C-alpha atoms as a PDB file:
ATOM      1  CA  UNK A   1     -13.026  -2.156  31.177  1.00  0.00           C
ATOM      2  CA  UNK A   2     -12.619  -3.370  28.148  1.00  0.00           C
ATOM      3  CA  UNK A   3     -11.620   0.284  26.692  1.00  0.00           C
ATOM      4  CA  UNK A   4      -9.319   0.762  29.343  1.00  0.00           C
ATOM      5  CA  UNK A   5      -7.506  -2.499  28.100  1.00  0.00           C
ATOM      6  CA  UNK A   6      -7.442  -0.996  24.879  1.00  0.00           C
ATOM      7  CA  UNK A   7      -5.907   1.989  26.200  1.00  0.00           C
ATOM      8  CA  UNK A   8      -3.352   0.699  27.899  1.00  0.00           C
ATOM      9  CA  UNK A   9      -2.489  -1.421  24.828  1.00  0.00           C
ATOM     10  CA  UNK A  10      -2.387   1.441  22.836  1.00  0.00           C
ATOM     11  CA  UNK A  11       0.366   3.409  24.882  1.00  0.00           C
ATOM     12  CA  UNK A  12       2.003   0.264  25.414  1.00  0.00           C
ATOM     13  CA  UNK A  13       2.610  -0.140  21.803  1.00  0.00           C
ATOM     14  CA  UNK A  14       4.594   3.349  21.898  1.00  0.00           C
ATOM     15  CA  UNK A  15       7.362   2.194  24.076  1.00  0.00           C
ATOM     16  CA  UNK A  16       9.035  -0.213  21.833  1.00  0.00           C
ATOM     17  CA  UNK A  17       9.933   3.046  19.557  1.00  0.00           C
ATOM     18  CA  UNK A  18      11.665   4.663  22.859  1.00  0.00           C
ATOM     19  CA  UNK A  19      13.331   1.561  24.550  1.00  0.00           C
ATOM     20  CA  UNK A  20      14.021  -1.084  21.619  1.00  0.00           C
ATOM     21  CA  UNK A  21      16.818  -0.232  19.252  1.00  0.00           C
ATOM     22  CA  UNK A  22      16.281  -3.044  16.798  1.00  0.00           C
ATOM     23  CA  UNK A  23      13.217  -2.464  14.209  1.00  0.00           C
ATOM     24  CA  UNK A  24      12.527  -6.122  13.994  1.00  0.00           C
ATOM     25  CA  UNK A  25      12.285  -6.744  17.716  1.00  0.00           C
ATOM     26  CA  UNK A  26      10.381  -3.802  18.478  1.00  0.00           C
ATOM     27  CA  UNK A  27       7.588  -4.961  15.482  1.00  0.00           C
ATOM     28  CA  UNK A  28       7.465  -7.898  17.132  1.00  0.00           C
ATOM     29  CA  UNK A  29       6.943  -6.532  20.891  1.00  0.00           C
ATOM     30  CA  UNK A  30       3.774  -4.404  19.351  1.00  0.00           C
ATOM     31  CA  UNK A  31       2.660  -7.604  18.064  1.00  0.00           C
ATOM     32  CA  UNK A  32       2.573  -9.309  20.972  1.00  0.00           C
ATOM     33  CA  UNK A  33       1.278  -6.156  23.017  1.00  0.00           C
ATOM     34  CA  UNK A  34      -2.019  -6.409  21.008  1.00  0.00           C
ATOM     35  CA  UNK A  35      -1.969 -10.529  21.091  1.00  0.00           C
ATOM     36  CA  UNK A  36      -1.793 -10.271  25.119  1.00  0.00           C
ATOM     37  CA  UNK A  37      -4.279  -7.049  24.867  1.00  0.00           C
ATOM     38  CA  UNK A  38      -7.268  -9.097  23.093  1.00  0.00           C
ATOM     39  CA  UNK A  39      -6.398 -12.461  25.282  1.00  0.00           C
ATOM     40  CA  UNK A  40      -7.285  -9.907  28.422  1.00  0.00           C
ATOM     41  CA  UNK A  41     -10.510  -8.992  26.480  1.00  0.00           C
ATOM     42  CA  UNK A  42     -11.601 -12.467  26.238  1.00  0.00           C
ATOM     43  CA  UNK A  43     -11.172 -13.422  29.650  1.00  0.00           C
ATOM     44  CA  UNK A  44     -12.957 -10.200  30.965  1.00  0.00           C
ATOM     45  CA  UNK A  45     -15.778 -11.177  28.861  1.00  0.00           C
ATOM     46  CA  UNK A  46     -15.470 -15.034  29.897  1.00  0.00           C
ATOM     47  CA  UNK A  47     -15.730 -13.835  33.599  1.00  0.00           C
ATOM     48  CA  UNK A  48     -18.603 -11.297  33.215  1.00  0.00           C
ATOM     49  CA  UNK A  49     -20.610 -13.988  31.742  1.00  0.00           C
ATOM     50  CA  UNK A  50     -20.290 -16.420  34.382  1.00  0.00           C
ATOM     51  CA  UNK A  51     -21.703 -16.332  37.719  1.00  0.00           C
ATOM     52  CA  UNK A  52     -19.728 -17.905  40.688  1.00  0.00           C
ATOM     53  CA  UNK A  53     -16.823 -19.560  41.233  1.00  0.00           C
ATOM     54  CA  UNK A  54     -17.547 -22.959  40.495  1.00  0.00           C
ATOM     55  CA  UNK A  55     -19.664 -21.848  37.053  1.00  0.00           C
ATOM     56  CA  UNK A  56     -16.444 -19.856  35.879  1.00  0.00           C
ATOM     57  CA  UNK A  57     -14.396 -23.028  36.201  1.00  0.00           C
ATOM     58  CA  UNK A  58     -16.584 -25.052  34.511  1.00  0.00           C
ATOM     59  CA  UNK A  59     -17.085 -22.044  31.721  1.00  0.00           C
ATOM     60  CA  UNK A  60     -13.345 -21.871  31.287  1.00  0.00           C
ATOM     61  CA  UNK A  61     -12.805 -25.878  31.639  1.00  0.00           C
ATOM     62  CA  UNK A  62     -15.634 -26.204  28.614  1.00  0.00           C
ATOM     63  CA  UNK A  63     -14.454 -23.052  26.507  1.00  0.00           C
ATOM     64  CA  UNK A  64     -10.765 -24.260  26.699  1.00  0.00           C
ATOM     65  CA  UNK A  65     -11.412 -27.681  25.445  1.00  0.00           C
ATOM     66  CA  UNK A  66     -13.418 -26.254  22.812  1.00  0.00           C
ATOM     67  CA  UNK A  67     -11.216 -23.877  21.645  1.00  0.00           C
ATOM     68  CA  UNK A  68      -8.574 -26.319  21.858  1.00  0.00           C
ATOM     69  CA  UNK A  69     -10.071 -28.564  19.264  1.00  0.00           C
ATOM     70  CA  UNK A  70     -11.381 -25.682  17.067  1.00  0.00           C
ATOM     71  CA  UNK A  71      -8.239 -23.598  16.980  1.00  0.00           C
ATOM     72  CA  UNK A  72      -5.549 -26.546  16.768  1.00  0.00           C
ATOM     73  CA  UNK A  73      -4.370 -25.270  13.611  1.00  0.00           C
ATOM     74  CA  UNK A  74      -4.097 -21.571  14.588  1.00  0.00           C
ATOM     75  CA  UNK A  75      -2.492 -22.931  18.048  1.00  0.00           C
ATOM     76  CA  UNK A  76       0.136 -24.888  16.327  1.00  0.00           C
ATOM     77  CA  UNK A  77       1.176 -21.876  13.865  1.00  0.00           C
ATOM     78  CA  UNK A  78       1.169 -19.501  17.039  1.00  0.00           C
ATOM     79  CA  UNK A  79       3.678 -22.029  18.676  1.00  0.00           C
ATOM     80  CA  UNK A  80       5.535 -22.360  15.378  1.00  0.00           C
ATOM     81  CA  UNK A  81       5.879 -18.210  15.073  1.00  0.00           C
ATOM     82  CA  UNK A  82       8.122 -18.773  18.649  1.00  0.00           C
ATOM     83  CA  UNK A  83      10.466 -21.202  16.524  1.00  0.00           C
ATOM     84  CA  UNK A  84      10.388 -19.087  13.054  1.00  0.00           C
ATOM     85  CA  UNK A  85      11.258 -15.722  15.194  1.00  0.00           C
ATOM     86  CA  UNK A  86      13.889 -17.297  17.457  1.00  0.00           C
ATOM     87  CA  UNK A  87      17.522 -17.046  17.482  1.00  0.00           C
ATOM     88  CA  UNK A  88      18.256 -19.249  14.594  1.00  0.00           C
ATOM     89  CA  UNK A  89      14.664 -18.662  13.072  1.00  0.00           C
ATOM     90  CA  UNK A  90      13.782 -17.183   9.537  1.00  0.00           C
ATOM     91  CA  UNK A  91      14.034 -13.531   8.861  1.00  0.00           C
ATOM     92  CA  UNK A  92      12.475 -11.149   6.224  1.00  0.00           C
ATOM     93  CA  UNK A  93      14.767 -11.289   3.168  1.00  0.00           C
ATOM     94  CA  UNK A  94      15.874 -15.095   3.901  1.00  0.00           C
ATOM     95  CA  UNK A  95      16.251 -17.387   0.805  1.00  0.00           C
ATOM     96  CA  UNK A  96      13.777 -20.525   2.021  1.00  0.00           C
ATOM     97  CA  UNK A  97      12.401 -23.683   0.543  1.00  0.00           C
ATOM     98  CA  UNK A  98       9.252 -25.024   2.201  1.00  0.00           C
ATOM     99  CA  UNK A  99       7.744 -27.884   0.873  1.00  0.00           C
ATOM    100  CA  UNK A 100       9.207 -27.630  -2.431  1.00  0.00           C
ATOM    101  CA  UNK A 101       8.302 -23.772  -2.653  1.00  0.00           C
ATOM    102  CA  UNK A 102      11.500 -21.582  -3.178  1.00  0.00           C
ATOM    103  CA  UNK A 103      11.525 -17.937  -2.480  1.00  0.00           C
ATOM    104  CA  UNK A 104      12.422 -14.935  -0.373  1.00  0.00           C
ATOM    105  CA  UNK A 105      10.747 -13.822   2.796  1.00  0.00           C
ATOM    106  CA  UNK A 106       8.370 -11.235   2.865  1.00  0.00           C
ATOM    107  CA  UNK A 107       7.057 -11.157   5.947  1.00  0.00           C
ATOM    108  CA  UNK A 108       6.865 -13.411   9.121  1.00  0.00           C
ATOM    109  CA  UNK A 109       2.922 -12.966  11.074  1.00  0.00           C
ATOM    110  CA  UNK A 110       2.098 -14.655  14.081  1.00  0.00           C
ATOM    111  CA  UNK A 111       0.329 -17.399  12.115  1.00  0.00           C
ATOM    112  CA  UNK A 112       1.484 -17.246   8.518  1.00  0.00           C
ATOM    113  CA  UNK A 113       4.560 -16.566   6.520  1.00  0.00           C
ATOM    114  CA  UNK A 114       4.647 -14.672   2.924  1.00  0.00           C
ATOM    115  CA  UNK A 115       7.156 -15.916   0.423  1.00  0.00           C
ATOM    116  CA  UNK A 116       7.787 -14.471  -2.841  1.00  0.00           C
ATOM    117  CA  UNK A 117       8.298 -17.176  -5.003  1.00  0.00           C
ATOM    118  CA  UNK A 118      11.413 -17.556  -7.407  1.00  0.00           C
ATOM    119  CA  UNK A 119      12.372 -19.939  -9.825  1.00  0.00           C
ATOM    120  CA  UNK A 120       9.490 -23.037  -9.968  1.00  0.00           C
ATOM    121  CA  UNK A 121       8.463 -22.686 -13.927  1.00  0.00           C
ATOM    122  CA  UNK A 122      11.180 -19.822 -14.687  1.00  0.00           C
ATOM    123  CA  UNK A 123      14.559 -20.432 -15.299  1.00  0.00           C
ATOM    124  CA  UNK A 124      17.528 -19.274 -12.898  1.00  0.00           C
ATOM    125  CA  UNK A 125      16.868 -17.299  -9.959  1.00  0.00           C
ATOM    126  CA  UNK A 126      13.961 -14.856 -11.348  1.00  0.00           C
ATOM    127  CA  UNK A 127      10.841 -13.842  -9.157  1.00  0.00           C
ATOM    128  CA  UNK A 128       8.014 -15.196 -10.630  1.00  0.00           C
ATOM    129  CA  UNK A 129       5.522 -12.584  -9.183  1.00  0.00           C
ATOM    130  CA  UNK A 130       3.742 -15.119  -6.920  1.00  0.00           C
ATOM    131  CA  UNK A 131       3.436 -14.585  -2.994  1.00  0.00           C
ATOM    132  CA  UNK A 132       2.879 -17.750  -1.264  1.00  0.00           C
ATOM    133  CA  UNK A 133       1.871 -18.015   2.392  1.00  0.00           C
ATOM    134  CA  UNK A 134       2.264 -21.015   4.800  1.00  0.00           C
ATOM    135  CA  UNK A 135       1.363 -21.248   8.124  1.00  0.00           C
ATOM    136  CA  UNK A 136       3.903 -21.636  10.658  1.00  0.00           C
ATOM    137  CA  UNK A 137       3.006 -24.895  11.771  1.00  0.00           C
ATOM    138  CA  UNK A 138       5.396 -26.050   8.250  1.00  0.00           C
ATOM    139  CA  UNK A 139       7.912 -26.027  11.031  1.00  0.00           C
ATOM    140  CA  UNK A 140       6.213 -29.016  12.619  1.00  0.00           C
ATOM    141  CA  UNK A 141       4.532 -30.676   9.685  1.00  0.00           C
ATOM    142  CA  UNK A 142       6.664 -30.231   6.421  1.00  0.00           C
ATOM    143  CA  UNK A 143      10.347 -30.160   5.590  1.00  0.00           C
ATOM    144  CA  UNK A 144      11.932 -26.477   4.781  1.00  0.00           C
ATOM    145  CA  UNK A 145      15.668 -25.247   4.024  1.00  0.00           C
ATOM    146  CA  UNK A 146      16.839 -21.396   4.879  1.00  0.00           C
ATOM    147  CA  UNK A 147      19.667 -19.798   3.238  1.00  0.00           C
ATOM    148  CA  UNK A 148      20.639 -16.316   5.350  1.00  0.00           C
ATOM    149  CA  UNK A 149      20.177 -12.965   3.586  1.00  0.00           C
ATOM    150  CA  UNK A 150      22.021 -12.971   0.587  1.00  0.00           C
ATOM    151  CA  UNK A 151      22.386  -8.706   0.613  1.00  0.00           C
ATOM    152  CA  UNK A 152      25.885  -7.783   1.374  1.00  0.00           C
ATOM    153  CA  UNK A 153      26.015  -4.581   4.035  1.00  0.00           C
ATOM    154  CA  UNK A 154      28.864  -2.937   1.956  1.00  0.00           C
ATOM    155  CA  UNK A 155      26.117  -0.212   1.377  1.00  0.00           C
ATOM    156  CA  UNK A 156      25.169  -0.834  -1.937  1.00  0.00           C
ATOM    157  CA  UNK A 157      21.921  -0.167  -3.403  1.00  0.00           C
ATOM    158  CA  UNK A 158      19.892  -2.582  -5.257  1.00  0.00           C
ATOM    159  CA  UNK A 159      17.174  -1.332  -7.362  1.00  0.00           C
ATOM    160  CA  UNK A 160      14.395  -3.436  -9.294  1.00  0.00           C
ATOM    161  CA  UNK A 161      13.833  -2.891 -12.834  1.00  0.00           C
END
């Protein structure tokens, strides 16, 4: 049964290439399919380990309470991810300042965001070379500001030295 779930997820990940034209949306759609597949696998394992319907509800209740306490930070980061990738959210290439760290967004994951640091101990807007990772829960717990992409869409190529 678990193998069937992963096979369906594998073929479902190929659907965004055909139907979704925007690369960013297809990327997040594939991530969402992976997350849903793992969730279904976990539910299958829970239902197979429990006996009757009464014990299933007890197992789910206790497991849910335990997971909510143990995984509080990842759950808050996952909820923060929906805000980060929303309509007015942050995307790759944006200039952000999160909790005093200024930089360009390199990757937006489901649990964390990667920022290539700019400035800090160097003068001007030079890249320091450090990659700083923030959990997506910074939306709720910290201060941040964002500037949309500064790369012009005139077809000019930018190269690094």
